């Protein structure tokens, strides 16, 4: 039996996290990794203790649900909450990060973004990532890697 690659392992973790999403519009998961170890994970959903989109519907303003905290932000905030440094880490995300998450990723010191699916890839986000030297690579999840036997 062939072992799953690191990229597939961490991307599968992000897809698993996305299954916890409370967003009805798009389920996203993010896994932050440093030295081949998972240091945080997040999915998109409401603020802790608040109502969720799956229970009360999305709160959409100008085409965006303002109730939702994005998966990348939740993972970064988890690191901040528990004092886990993100400098030099990598992030695996099910979808290309939005502009605000891209800026947060850059500011947090994360040096590499791996994403599985394109999703409204903002040109300025891509420009910023190139400008500051954050490596970006598309790593699609290979469904065959999830077979248990």
Foldseek 3Di string as FASTA:
>chain_A
DDADDLLLVQLVVFVVQLVVELDPPDRKKKFKDDPSHTPFIFIKWADPPDDTCNGVNFDDDPRDRPRIDHGLRVRLVVCVVVVNQRAQIEMEMQEDDDQVSLVVCVVSNHQEYEYAYYDPPDPVSVVVCVVSRRHYYYDHHDPVNPDPD
